[in-house]
C-alpha cells in the first residue's frame, strides 16, 4: 500500500479507478481496504467498477466515470 500511495504522489494522481470482475469476493474485500487507506493516507477518492464483461455495461460505466471525473475536477 505504501508503494501505491508513493506512486500516486509521484504521478500527481487525483483519483483511483478500481476495476474488478463481478462475483469475486476477495477482490471486493481488497477494494474496501484500498479505498479506506487511499482516503485516509492520501486523500484520494476511488471509484470501484465491477464487470462481467457484458457489452450492455458500456453506457452506465461511461456515465459513472464521467461523473467521477467531474467530482475530481471540482476538488
Protein backbone atom coordinates (compact mmCIF):
# COMPACT_ATOMS: atom_id res chain seq x y z
CA UNK A 1 0.00 0.00 0.00
CA UNK A 2 2.89 2.35 0.71
CA UNK A 3 4.12 1.81 -2.84
CA UNK A 4 0.70 2.64 -4.30
CA UNK A 5 0.49 5.84 -2.27
CA UNK A 6 4.04 6.78 -3.33
CA UNK A 7 3.15 6.21 -7.00
CA UNK A 8 0.01 8.32 -6.62
CA UNK A 9 2.13 11.14 -5.24
CA UNK A 10 4.85 10.77 -7.86
CA UNK A 11 2.34 10.89 -10.71
CA UNK A 12 0.12 13.54 -9.05
CA UNK A 13 -2.94 11.29 -9.17
CA UNK A 14 -6.29 12.93 -8.42
CA UNK A 15 -8.32 9.73 -8.04
CA UNK A 16 -8.21 5.97 -8.46
CA UNK A 17 -10.36 3.76 -10.67
CA UNK A 18 -10.67 0.20 -9.34
CA UNK A 19 -11.87 -2.30 -11.95
CA UNK A 20 -12.77 -5.83 -10.92
CA UNK A 21 -14.69 -8.86 -12.08
CA UNK A 22 -18.11 -9.45 -10.59
CA UNK A 23 -18.63 -12.27 -8.11
CA UNK A 24 -15.05 -12.14 -6.86
CA UNK A 25 -15.43 -11.69 -3.12
CA UNK A 26 -11.70 -11.50 -2.47
CA UNK A 27 -11.39 -8.54 -4.88
CA UNK A 28 -14.34 -6.87 -3.21
CA UNK A 29 -12.70 -7.16 0.21
CA UNK A 30 -9.44 -5.75 -1.16
CA UNK A 31 -11.22 -2.81 -2.79
CA UNK A 32 -12.79 -1.79 0.53
CA UNK A 33 -9.38 -1.87 2.18
CA UNK A 34 -7.73 0.11 -0.62
CA UNK A 35 -10.49 2.71 -0.69
CA UNK A 36 -10.23 3.33 3.05
CA UNK A 37 -6.42 3.60 3.04
CA UNK A 38 -6.33 5.81 -0.06
CA UNK A 39 -8.80 8.21 1.51
CA UNK A 40 -7.16 8.29 4.95
CA UNK A 41 -3.50 8.43 3.95
CA UNK A 42 -3.51 10.14 0.57
CA UNK A 43 -6.86 11.95 0.46
CA UNK A 44 -7.71 10.25 -2.82
CA UNK A 45 -11.21 9.28 -3.92
CA UNK A 46 -11.74 5.89 -5.51
CA UNK A 47 -14.38 4.65 -7.95
CA UNK A 48 -15.00 0.90 -7.95
CA UNK A 49 -16.42 -0.67 -11.09
CA UNK A 50 -17.45 -4.31 -11.26
CA UNK A 51 -18.00 -6.07 -14.55
CA UNK A 52 -18.77 -9.45 -16.02
CA UNK A 53 -17.69 -8.27 -19.49
CA UNK A 54 -21.26 -7.59 -20.62
CA UNK A 55 -21.43 -5.17 -23.57
CA UNK A 56 -24.53 -3.52 -22.08
CA UNK A 57 -22.39 -2.11 -19.25
CA UNK A 58 -20.61 0.30 -21.57
CA UNK A 59 -23.14 3.16 -21.21
CA UNK A 60 -23.51 3.03 -17.42
CA UNK A 61 -19.72 2.76 -17.00
CA UNK A 62 -19.19 5.79 -19.18
CA UNK A 63 -21.67 7.79 -17.10
CA UNK A 64 -20.13 6.71 -13.80
CA UNK A 65 -16.59 7.50 -14.95
CA UNK A 66 -17.59 10.90 -16.36
CA UNK A 67 -19.30 11.77 -13.08
CA UNK A 68 -16.24 10.65 -11.12
CA UNK A 69 -14.02 12.87 -13.29
CA UNK A 70 -16.35 15.83 -12.70
CA UNK A 71 -16.18 15.28 -8.94
CA UNK A 72 -12.39 15.10 -9.06
CA UNK A 73 -12.26 18.24 -11.20
CA UNK A 74 -14.16 20.21 -8.55
CA UNK A 75 -11.63 19.35 -5.83
